[in-house]
N, C-alpha and C. Protein backbone atom coordinates (compact mmCIF):
# COMPACT_ATOMS: atom_id res chain seq x y z
N MET A 1 5.94 23.41 24.18
CA MET A 1 4.74 22.59 24.03
C MET A 1 3.94 23.11 22.83
N SER A 2 3.38 22.21 22.07
CA SER A 2 2.65 22.57 20.86
C SER A 2 1.23 23.03 21.18
N THR A 3 0.72 23.89 20.29
CA THR A 3 -0.66 24.34 20.44
C THR A 3 -1.60 23.31 19.84
N ASP A 4 -2.90 23.44 20.16
CA ASP A 4 -3.90 22.52 19.60
C ASP A 4 -3.91 22.60 18.08
N LYS A 5 -3.71 23.80 17.53
CA LYS A 5 -3.69 23.97 16.07
C LYS A 5 -2.52 23.21 15.46
N GLU A 6 -1.35 23.27 16.09
CA GLU A 6 -0.18 22.54 15.60
C GLU A 6 -0.42 21.03 15.67
N LYS A 7 -1.04 20.58 16.77
CA LYS A 7 -1.33 19.16 16.93
C LYS A 7 -2.25 18.68 15.82
N THR A 8 -3.32 19.41 15.59
CA THR A 8 -4.29 19.03 14.57
C THR A 8 -3.67 19.04 13.18
N SER A 9 -2.88 20.05 12.86
CA SER A 9 -2.29 20.12 11.53
C SER A 9 -1.29 19.00 11.30
N ARG A 10 -0.53 18.62 12.32
CA ARG A 10 0.44 17.53 12.17
C ARG A 10 -0.28 16.20 11.97
N ILE A 11 -1.33 15.95 12.73
CA ILE A 11 -2.10 14.72 12.59
C ILE A 11 -2.79 14.68 11.24
N ASP A 12 -3.40 15.79 10.83
CA ASP A 12 -4.05 15.86 9.52
C ASP A 12 -3.06 15.58 8.40
N LEU A 13 -1.83 16.07 8.56
CA LEU A 13 -0.82 15.88 7.53
C LEU A 13 -0.59 14.40 7.24
N TYR A 14 -0.33 13.59 8.27
CA TYR A 14 -0.05 12.19 7.96
C TYR A 14 -1.29 11.41 7.60
N VAL A 15 -2.43 11.73 8.18
CA VAL A 15 -3.66 11.02 7.81
C VAL A 15 -3.99 11.30 6.34
N ASP A 16 -3.91 12.56 5.92
CA ASP A 16 -4.17 12.90 4.52
C ASP A 16 -3.26 12.14 3.57
N HIS A 17 -1.98 12.08 3.90
CA HIS A 17 -1.03 11.37 3.05
C HIS A 17 -1.33 9.87 3.00
N LEU A 18 -1.68 9.28 4.11
CA LEU A 18 -1.95 7.85 4.13
C LEU A 18 -3.25 7.52 3.42
N LEU A 19 -4.27 8.35 3.57
CA LEU A 19 -5.53 8.10 2.87
C LEU A 19 -5.39 8.23 1.37
N ASP A 20 -4.38 8.94 0.94
CA ASP A 20 -4.14 9.13 -0.49
C ASP A 20 -3.52 7.88 -1.15
N CYS A 21 -3.06 6.94 -0.35
CA CYS A 21 -2.39 5.74 -0.87
C CYS A 21 -3.43 4.75 -1.41
N LYS A 22 -3.27 4.40 -2.67
CA LYS A 22 -4.23 3.52 -3.32
C LYS A 22 -3.78 2.06 -3.35
N ASP A 23 -2.49 1.83 -3.19
CA ASP A 23 -2.01 0.45 -3.22
C ASP A 23 -1.08 0.20 -2.04
N MET A 24 -0.84 -1.05 -1.74
CA MET A 24 -0.04 -1.43 -0.57
C MET A 24 1.40 -0.91 -0.64
N ASP A 25 2.02 -1.00 -1.81
CA ASP A 25 3.40 -0.53 -1.93
C ASP A 25 3.50 0.95 -1.57
N ASN A 26 2.61 1.75 -2.12
CA ASN A 26 2.60 3.18 -1.84
C ASN A 26 2.31 3.43 -0.36
N LEU A 27 1.38 2.70 0.23
CA LEU A 27 1.07 2.85 1.64
C LEU A 27 2.27 2.52 2.51
N ILE A 28 2.98 1.48 2.19
CA ILE A 28 4.17 1.10 2.95
C ILE A 28 5.23 2.19 2.84
N LEU A 29 5.48 2.68 1.62
CA LEU A 29 6.50 3.71 1.43
C LEU A 29 6.12 5.01 2.13
N LYS A 30 4.88 5.46 1.95
CA LYS A 30 4.45 6.70 2.60
C LYS A 30 4.32 6.53 4.11
N GLY A 31 3.85 5.37 4.54
CA GLY A 31 3.75 5.11 5.97
C GLY A 31 5.12 5.13 6.63
N HIS A 32 6.09 4.56 5.96
CA HIS A 32 7.47 4.58 6.44
C HIS A 32 7.95 6.02 6.57
N LEU A 33 7.66 6.82 5.56
CA LEU A 33 8.06 8.23 5.58
C LEU A 33 7.36 8.99 6.71
N MET A 34 6.08 8.72 6.92
CA MET A 34 5.34 9.40 7.99
C MET A 34 5.92 9.04 9.37
N THR A 35 6.28 7.77 9.55
CA THR A 35 6.87 7.39 10.84
C THR A 35 8.27 7.99 10.98
N GLU A 36 8.96 8.14 9.87
CA GLU A 36 10.29 8.77 9.91
C GLU A 36 10.16 10.23 10.34
N TRP A 37 9.16 10.93 9.80
CA TRP A 37 8.93 12.32 10.21
C TRP A 37 8.59 12.39 11.70
N ALA A 38 7.79 11.43 12.18
CA ALA A 38 7.44 11.40 13.60
C ALA A 38 8.69 11.16 14.45
N LEU A 39 9.57 10.25 14.01
CA LEU A 39 10.82 10.01 14.73
C LEU A 39 11.68 11.27 14.76
N GLN A 40 11.76 11.95 13.65
CA GLN A 40 12.54 13.19 13.58
C GLN A 40 11.97 14.24 14.54
N TYR A 41 10.65 14.33 14.60
CA TYR A 41 10.01 15.26 15.51
C TYR A 41 10.38 14.92 16.95
N TYR A 42 10.29 13.63 17.29
CA TYR A 42 10.63 13.18 18.64
C TYR A 42 12.09 13.53 18.97
N ILE A 43 12.98 13.21 18.06
CA ILE A 43 14.41 13.47 18.28
C ILE A 43 14.63 14.96 18.55
N ASN A 44 14.02 15.81 17.74
CA ASN A 44 14.22 17.24 17.93
C ASN A 44 13.57 17.78 19.20
N GLU A 45 12.53 17.11 19.67
CA GLU A 45 11.91 17.53 20.93
C GLU A 45 12.79 17.23 22.14
N PHE A 46 13.59 16.15 22.06
CA PHE A 46 14.34 15.72 23.23
C PHE A 46 15.86 15.86 23.10
N ALA A 47 16.35 16.23 21.93
CA ALA A 47 17.78 16.43 21.76
C ALA A 47 18.18 17.78 22.37
N LYS A 48 19.38 17.87 22.85
CA LYS A 48 19.88 19.13 23.41
C LYS A 48 20.04 20.19 22.33
N LYS A 49 20.30 19.73 21.12
CA LYS A 49 20.47 20.64 19.99
C LYS A 49 19.61 20.12 18.84
N LYS A 50 18.87 21.00 18.17
CA LYS A 50 18.01 20.62 17.05
C LYS A 50 18.87 20.06 15.91
N VAL A 51 18.32 19.05 15.24
CA VAL A 51 19.02 18.39 14.14
C VAL A 51 18.43 18.86 12.82
N ASN A 52 19.27 19.27 11.89
CA ASN A 52 18.82 19.59 10.55
C ASN A 52 18.92 18.30 9.74
N PHE A 53 17.78 17.60 9.62
CA PHE A 53 17.80 16.27 9.00
C PHE A 53 18.06 16.32 7.50
N LYS A 54 17.92 17.49 6.89
CA LYS A 54 18.26 17.61 5.46
C LYS A 54 19.76 17.67 5.29
N LYS A 55 20.44 18.17 6.30
CA LYS A 55 21.89 18.30 6.23
C LYS A 55 22.59 17.06 6.79
N VAL A 56 22.09 16.56 7.92
CA VAL A 56 22.67 15.37 8.56
C VAL A 56 21.85 14.18 8.08
N ARG A 57 22.44 13.30 7.32
CA ARG A 57 21.73 12.23 6.62
C ARG A 57 21.74 10.92 7.41
N PHE A 58 20.98 10.89 8.51
CA PHE A 58 20.84 9.65 9.25
C PHE A 58 19.90 8.71 8.50
N THR A 59 20.17 7.41 8.58
CA THR A 59 19.24 6.43 8.03
C THR A 59 18.07 6.28 8.99
N TYR A 60 17.04 5.60 8.54
CA TYR A 60 15.89 5.31 9.38
C TYR A 60 16.34 4.52 10.61
N SER A 61 17.20 3.53 10.39
CA SER A 61 17.72 2.73 11.52
C SER A 61 18.49 3.59 12.51
N ASN A 62 19.28 4.55 11.99
CA ASN A 62 20.00 5.47 12.88
C ASN A 62 19.01 6.27 13.73
N LYS A 63 17.95 6.76 13.09
CA LYS A 63 16.94 7.55 13.81
C LYS A 63 16.24 6.71 14.87
N LEU A 64 15.98 5.45 14.55
CA LEU A 64 15.38 4.55 15.54
C LEU A 64 16.28 4.42 16.77
N GLU A 65 17.56 4.23 16.53
CA GLU A 65 18.50 4.05 17.64
C GLU A 65 18.69 5.33 18.42
N ILE A 66 18.69 6.48 17.75
CA ILE A 66 18.79 7.76 18.45
C ILE A 66 17.55 7.96 19.33
N ALA A 67 16.38 7.68 18.76
CA ALA A 67 15.13 7.80 19.53
C ALA A 67 15.15 6.86 20.73
N LYS A 68 15.72 5.69 20.52
CA LYS A 68 15.84 4.72 21.62
C LYS A 68 16.73 5.29 22.74
N LEU A 69 17.87 5.87 22.35
CA LEU A 69 18.77 6.47 23.33
C LEU A 69 18.12 7.64 24.08
N LEU A 70 17.21 8.34 23.40
CA LEU A 70 16.50 9.47 24.01
C LEU A 70 15.30 9.03 24.84
N GLY A 71 14.99 7.72 24.85
CA GLY A 71 13.96 7.19 25.72
C GLY A 71 12.60 6.92 25.11
N LEU A 72 12.47 6.98 23.79
CA LEU A 72 11.17 6.78 23.16
C LEU A 72 10.54 5.43 23.50
N PHE A 73 11.34 4.40 23.61
CA PHE A 73 10.80 3.06 23.75
C PHE A 73 10.79 2.55 25.20
N GLU A 74 10.97 3.45 26.14
CA GLU A 74 10.88 3.09 27.56
C GLU A 74 9.43 3.13 28.01
N ASN A 75 9.20 2.75 29.24
CA ASN A 75 7.87 2.80 29.85
C ASN A 75 6.83 2.01 29.06
N GLY A 76 7.18 0.79 28.71
CA GLY A 76 6.21 -0.09 28.05
C GLY A 76 6.04 0.14 26.56
N ASN A 77 6.96 0.83 25.93
CA ASN A 77 6.83 1.11 24.50
C ASN A 77 7.74 0.24 23.63
N THR A 78 8.05 -0.95 24.11
CA THR A 78 8.91 -1.85 23.33
C THR A 78 8.18 -2.34 22.07
N GLN A 79 6.86 -2.46 22.14
CA GLN A 79 6.09 -2.88 20.97
C GLN A 79 6.26 -1.85 19.84
N LEU A 80 6.29 -0.58 20.19
CA LEU A 80 6.48 0.48 19.21
C LEU A 80 7.81 0.30 18.48
N TYR A 81 8.85 -0.02 19.21
CA TYR A 81 10.17 -0.25 18.61
C TYR A 81 10.12 -1.42 17.63
N ARG A 82 9.51 -2.51 18.04
CA ARG A 82 9.42 -3.69 17.16
C ARG A 82 8.63 -3.37 15.89
N LEU A 83 7.53 -2.63 16.05
CA LEU A 83 6.71 -2.26 14.88
C LEU A 83 7.49 -1.39 13.91
N LEU A 84 8.24 -0.44 14.44
CA LEU A 84 9.04 0.43 13.57
C LEU A 84 10.14 -0.35 12.86
N LYS A 85 10.75 -1.29 13.56
CA LYS A 85 11.77 -2.15 12.93
C LYS A 85 11.15 -2.98 11.80
N LEU A 86 9.97 -3.54 12.06
CA LEU A 86 9.29 -4.34 11.04
C LEU A 86 8.86 -3.48 9.85
N LEU A 87 8.35 -2.29 10.13
CA LEU A 87 7.95 -1.40 9.05
C LEU A 87 9.17 -1.01 8.21
N ASN A 88 10.30 -0.80 8.84
CA ASN A 88 11.51 -0.50 8.10
C ASN A 88 11.92 -1.69 7.22
N GLY A 89 11.81 -2.89 7.76
CA GLY A 89 12.11 -4.09 6.98
C GLY A 89 11.14 -4.24 5.80
N LEU A 90 9.90 -3.92 6.04
CA LEU A 90 8.88 -3.98 4.99
C LEU A 90 9.20 -2.99 3.87
N ARG A 91 9.54 -1.77 4.26
CA ARG A 91 9.93 -0.75 3.28
C ARG A 91 11.18 -1.19 2.50
N ASN A 92 12.15 -1.73 3.21
CA ASN A 92 13.37 -2.18 2.54
C ASN A 92 13.10 -3.32 1.57
N SER A 93 12.12 -4.16 1.89
CA SER A 93 11.80 -5.26 0.99
C SER A 93 11.26 -4.72 -0.35
N ILE A 94 10.53 -3.61 -0.31
CA ILE A 94 10.04 -2.99 -1.55
C ILE A 94 11.18 -2.30 -2.29
N ALA A 95 12.05 -1.65 -1.54
CA ALA A 95 13.14 -0.89 -2.15
C ALA A 95 14.13 -1.79 -2.89
N HIS A 96 14.22 -3.03 -2.48
CA HIS A 96 15.23 -3.92 -3.05
C HIS A 96 14.64 -5.09 -3.84
N ASN A 97 13.32 -5.15 -3.93
CA ASN A 97 12.64 -6.22 -4.67
C ASN A 97 11.45 -5.63 -5.42
N VAL A 98 10.80 -6.44 -6.19
CA VAL A 98 9.66 -5.98 -6.98
C VAL A 98 8.43 -5.75 -6.10
N GLU A 99 8.26 -6.56 -5.06
CA GLU A 99 7.10 -6.39 -4.18
C GLU A 99 7.51 -6.58 -2.73
N TYR A 100 6.60 -6.19 -1.85
CA TYR A 100 6.90 -6.28 -0.42
C TYR A 100 6.95 -7.74 0.04
N ASP A 101 7.65 -7.97 1.13
CA ASP A 101 7.81 -9.30 1.70
C ASP A 101 6.58 -9.63 2.56
N ALA A 102 5.78 -10.58 2.11
CA ALA A 102 4.54 -10.95 2.80
C ALA A 102 4.82 -11.48 4.21
N LYS A 103 5.94 -12.12 4.43
CA LYS A 103 6.30 -12.65 5.75
C LYS A 103 6.52 -11.50 6.74
N ILE A 104 7.21 -10.45 6.29
CA ILE A 104 7.43 -9.30 7.16
C ILE A 104 6.11 -8.62 7.47
N LEU A 105 5.23 -8.51 6.47
CA LEU A 105 3.91 -7.91 6.70
C LEU A 105 3.13 -8.75 7.72
N SER A 106 3.21 -10.06 7.59
CA SER A 106 2.53 -10.95 8.53
C SER A 106 3.08 -10.75 9.95
N ASN A 107 4.40 -10.65 10.07
CA ASN A 107 5.02 -10.40 11.37
C ASN A 107 4.59 -9.05 11.94
N PHE A 108 4.49 -8.05 11.06
CA PHE A 108 4.03 -6.73 11.48
C PHE A 108 2.62 -6.84 12.07
N PHE A 109 1.74 -7.53 11.35
CA PHE A 109 0.36 -7.66 11.82
C PHE A 109 0.25 -8.45 13.12
N GLU A 110 1.17 -9.39 13.35
CA GLU A 110 1.18 -10.12 14.61
C GLU A 110 1.52 -9.21 15.79
N GLU A 111 2.34 -8.19 15.53
CA GLU A 111 2.78 -7.24 16.57
C GLU A 111 1.87 -6.03 16.70
N CYS A 112 1.06 -5.75 15.68
CA CYS A 112 0.40 -4.44 15.58
C CYS A 112 -0.63 -4.17 16.66
N TYR A 113 -0.96 -2.90 16.78
CA TYR A 113 -1.91 -2.42 17.78
C TYR A 113 -3.33 -2.89 17.47
N ILE A 114 -3.72 -2.77 16.22
CA ILE A 114 -5.08 -3.12 15.82
C ILE A 114 -5.02 -4.50 15.16
N GLN A 115 -5.45 -5.51 15.90
CA GLN A 115 -5.39 -6.88 15.40
C GLN A 115 -6.53 -7.20 14.45
N SER A 116 -7.68 -6.58 14.67
CA SER A 116 -8.80 -6.81 13.77
C SER A 116 -9.72 -5.60 13.85
N ILE A 117 -10.58 -5.47 12.88
CA ILE A 117 -11.54 -4.38 12.86
C ILE A 117 -12.85 -4.94 13.40
N GLN A 118 -13.24 -4.46 14.56
CA GLN A 118 -14.40 -5.02 15.23
C GLN A 118 -15.46 -3.97 15.48
N GLY A 119 -16.68 -4.43 15.49
CA GLY A 119 -17.82 -3.57 15.80
C GLY A 119 -18.32 -3.85 17.20
N ALA A 120 -19.58 -3.58 17.41
CA ALA A 120 -20.20 -3.81 18.72
C ALA A 120 -20.13 -5.29 19.09
N ASN A 121 -20.02 -5.55 20.37
CA ASN A 121 -19.96 -6.92 20.91
C ASN A 121 -18.81 -7.74 20.35
N ASN A 122 -17.71 -7.05 19.97
CA ASN A 122 -16.49 -7.69 19.45
C ASN A 122 -16.73 -8.54 18.21
N ILE A 123 -17.72 -8.17 17.43
CA ILE A 123 -17.98 -8.88 16.18
C ILE A 123 -17.05 -8.31 15.11
N GLU A 124 -16.26 -9.18 14.49
CA GLU A 124 -15.34 -8.71 13.46
C GLU A 124 -16.16 -8.21 12.27
N ILE A 125 -15.93 -6.95 11.92
CA ILE A 125 -16.72 -6.35 10.85
C ILE A 125 -15.94 -6.18 9.56
N MET A 126 -14.66 -6.52 9.60
CA MET A 126 -13.87 -6.41 8.38
C MET A 126 -12.87 -7.55 8.30
N ASN A 127 -12.97 -8.33 7.27
CA ASN A 127 -12.03 -9.40 7.01
C ASN A 127 -10.95 -8.88 6.06
N PRO A 128 -9.82 -9.57 5.97
CA PRO A 128 -8.74 -9.11 5.09
C PRO A 128 -9.16 -8.89 3.64
N ASP A 129 -10.07 -9.70 3.14
CA ASP A 129 -10.47 -9.58 1.74
C ASP A 129 -11.66 -8.65 1.51
N ASP A 130 -12.27 -8.14 2.58
CA ASP A 130 -13.38 -7.20 2.42
C ASP A 130 -12.90 -5.96 1.69
N LYS A 131 -13.77 -5.38 0.91
CA LYS A 131 -13.44 -4.18 0.15
C LYS A 131 -14.07 -2.95 0.79
N ILE A 132 -13.33 -1.85 0.77
CA ILE A 132 -13.80 -0.57 1.28
C ILE A 132 -13.64 0.45 0.16
N GLU A 133 -14.68 1.21 -0.08
CA GLU A 133 -14.60 2.28 -1.08
C GLU A 133 -14.63 3.61 -0.33
N TYR A 134 -13.69 4.48 -0.66
CA TYR A 134 -13.75 5.82 -0.07
C TYR A 134 -13.36 6.85 -1.11
N LYS A 135 -13.86 8.06 -0.88
CA LYS A 135 -13.62 9.15 -1.82
C LYS A 135 -12.30 9.82 -1.50
N LEU A 136 -11.50 10.03 -2.54
CA LEU A 136 -10.26 10.78 -2.41
C LEU A 136 -10.53 12.27 -2.64
N SER A 137 -11.53 12.53 -3.48
CA SER A 137 -11.94 13.90 -3.79
C SER A 137 -13.39 13.83 -4.25
N LYS A 138 -13.91 14.95 -4.74
CA LYS A 138 -15.30 14.96 -5.21
C LYS A 138 -15.50 14.05 -6.41
N THR A 139 -14.44 13.86 -7.20
CA THR A 139 -14.57 13.07 -8.43
C THR A 139 -13.81 11.75 -8.40
N GLU A 140 -12.91 11.59 -7.45
CA GLU A 140 -12.05 10.40 -7.44
C GLU A 140 -12.33 9.55 -6.21
N LYS A 141 -12.44 8.24 -6.42
CA LYS A 141 -12.61 7.31 -5.31
C LYS A 141 -11.67 6.13 -5.52
N THR A 142 -11.48 5.37 -4.47
CA THR A 142 -10.63 4.20 -4.57
C THR A 142 -11.24 3.07 -3.75
N ILE A 143 -10.82 1.87 -4.05
CA ILE A 143 -11.27 0.70 -3.31
C ILE A 143 -10.04 0.01 -2.75
N ILE A 144 -10.07 -0.24 -1.45
CA ILE A 144 -8.97 -0.94 -0.80
C ILE A 144 -9.54 -2.15 -0.07
N ASN A 145 -8.65 -3.09 0.30
CA ASN A 145 -9.12 -4.26 1.04
C ASN A 145 -8.84 -4.10 2.53
N GLY A 146 -9.29 -5.05 3.31
CA GLY A 146 -9.16 -5.00 4.76
C GLY A 146 -7.71 -4.97 5.23
N ILE A 147 -6.81 -5.64 4.52
CA ILE A 147 -5.39 -5.64 4.89
C ILE A 147 -4.82 -4.23 4.73
N HIS A 148 -5.13 -3.61 3.61
CA HIS A 148 -4.67 -2.25 3.33
C HIS A 148 -5.17 -1.30 4.43
N PHE A 149 -6.46 -1.40 4.75
CA PHE A 149 -7.06 -0.52 5.75
C PHE A 149 -6.44 -0.75 7.12
N ARG A 150 -6.21 -2.00 7.47
CA ARG A 150 -5.61 -2.33 8.76
C ARG A 150 -4.18 -1.78 8.86
N LEU A 151 -3.43 -1.87 7.76
CA LEU A 151 -2.08 -1.31 7.75
C LEU A 151 -2.14 0.20 7.91
N LEU A 152 -3.06 0.84 7.19
CA LEU A 152 -3.23 2.29 7.29
C LEU A 152 -3.54 2.69 8.74
N LEU A 153 -4.45 1.99 9.38
CA LEU A 153 -4.80 2.30 10.77
C LEU A 153 -3.62 2.12 11.71
N ASN A 154 -2.85 1.06 11.50
CA ASN A 154 -1.72 0.81 12.39
C ASN A 154 -0.59 1.81 12.20
N ILE A 155 -0.34 2.21 10.98
CA ILE A 155 0.67 3.24 10.75
C ILE A 155 0.22 4.54 11.41
N SER A 156 -1.07 4.85 11.29
CA SER A 156 -1.61 6.04 11.96
C SER A 156 -1.42 5.94 13.48
N MET A 157 -1.66 4.75 14.03
CA MET A 157 -1.48 4.55 15.47
C MET A 157 -0.02 4.73 15.88
N ILE A 158 0.89 4.23 15.08
CA ILE A 158 2.33 4.38 15.37
C ILE A 158 2.70 5.86 15.41
N CYS A 159 2.30 6.61 14.37
CA CYS A 159 2.60 8.04 14.33
C CYS A 159 1.98 8.75 15.52
N SER A 160 0.72 8.45 15.80
CA SER A 160 0.02 9.08 16.93
C SER A 160 0.74 8.82 18.23
N LYS A 161 1.19 7.60 18.41
CA LYS A 161 1.88 7.23 19.65
C LYS A 161 3.20 8.01 19.80
N ILE A 162 3.95 8.12 18.72
CA ILE A 162 5.22 8.86 18.78
C ILE A 162 4.96 10.33 19.10
N TYR A 163 3.97 10.92 18.42
CA TYR A 163 3.66 12.33 18.70
C TYR A 163 3.15 12.52 20.11
N LYS A 164 2.36 11.59 20.59
CA LYS A 164 1.84 11.70 21.97
C LYS A 164 2.97 11.63 22.98
N ILE A 165 3.89 10.69 22.80
CA ILE A 165 5.04 10.57 23.69
C ILE A 165 5.90 11.84 23.61
N SER A 166 5.93 12.45 22.42
CA SER A 166 6.70 13.69 22.23
C SER A 166 6.07 14.87 22.95
N GLY A 167 4.82 14.72 23.36
CA GLY A 167 4.14 15.83 24.02
C GLY A 167 3.26 16.63 23.08
N LEU A 168 3.12 16.16 21.84
CA LEU A 168 2.28 16.87 20.87
C LEU A 168 0.83 16.58 21.11
């Protein structure tokens, strides 16, 4: 079982990487990588023998299926499986084309955990075209839109869910 310090450092790791993404393509690629790391963590927590993922070159799809065999998507976690499949398709659309597939992104958002950004009394406080400015460092800032922020939050939720199921 992991210590609180290990839990915090692992969560900080993926949040820091995702917050560093300034554009959607980068967010999709890094988000895909963060979920892949989470899948690898899960696999190593439940496999009888630890896997050296640098040596054994499983694809993302292979890791999804291994995690499925190890029980990650049981007990009401079928939505997590669908989201990971869609995120993989989204990443593949960038890898093989100039830009991401908007239809896959739309399908992802239909399945995602966070459907909208809401404030008190369920008032939607962020629309897809709303702009958010945040500081990357003391001197650098970036502006993202509501779609970017929603994707960032959902990727964070996916990673958090995998780590939570893993016992982290």
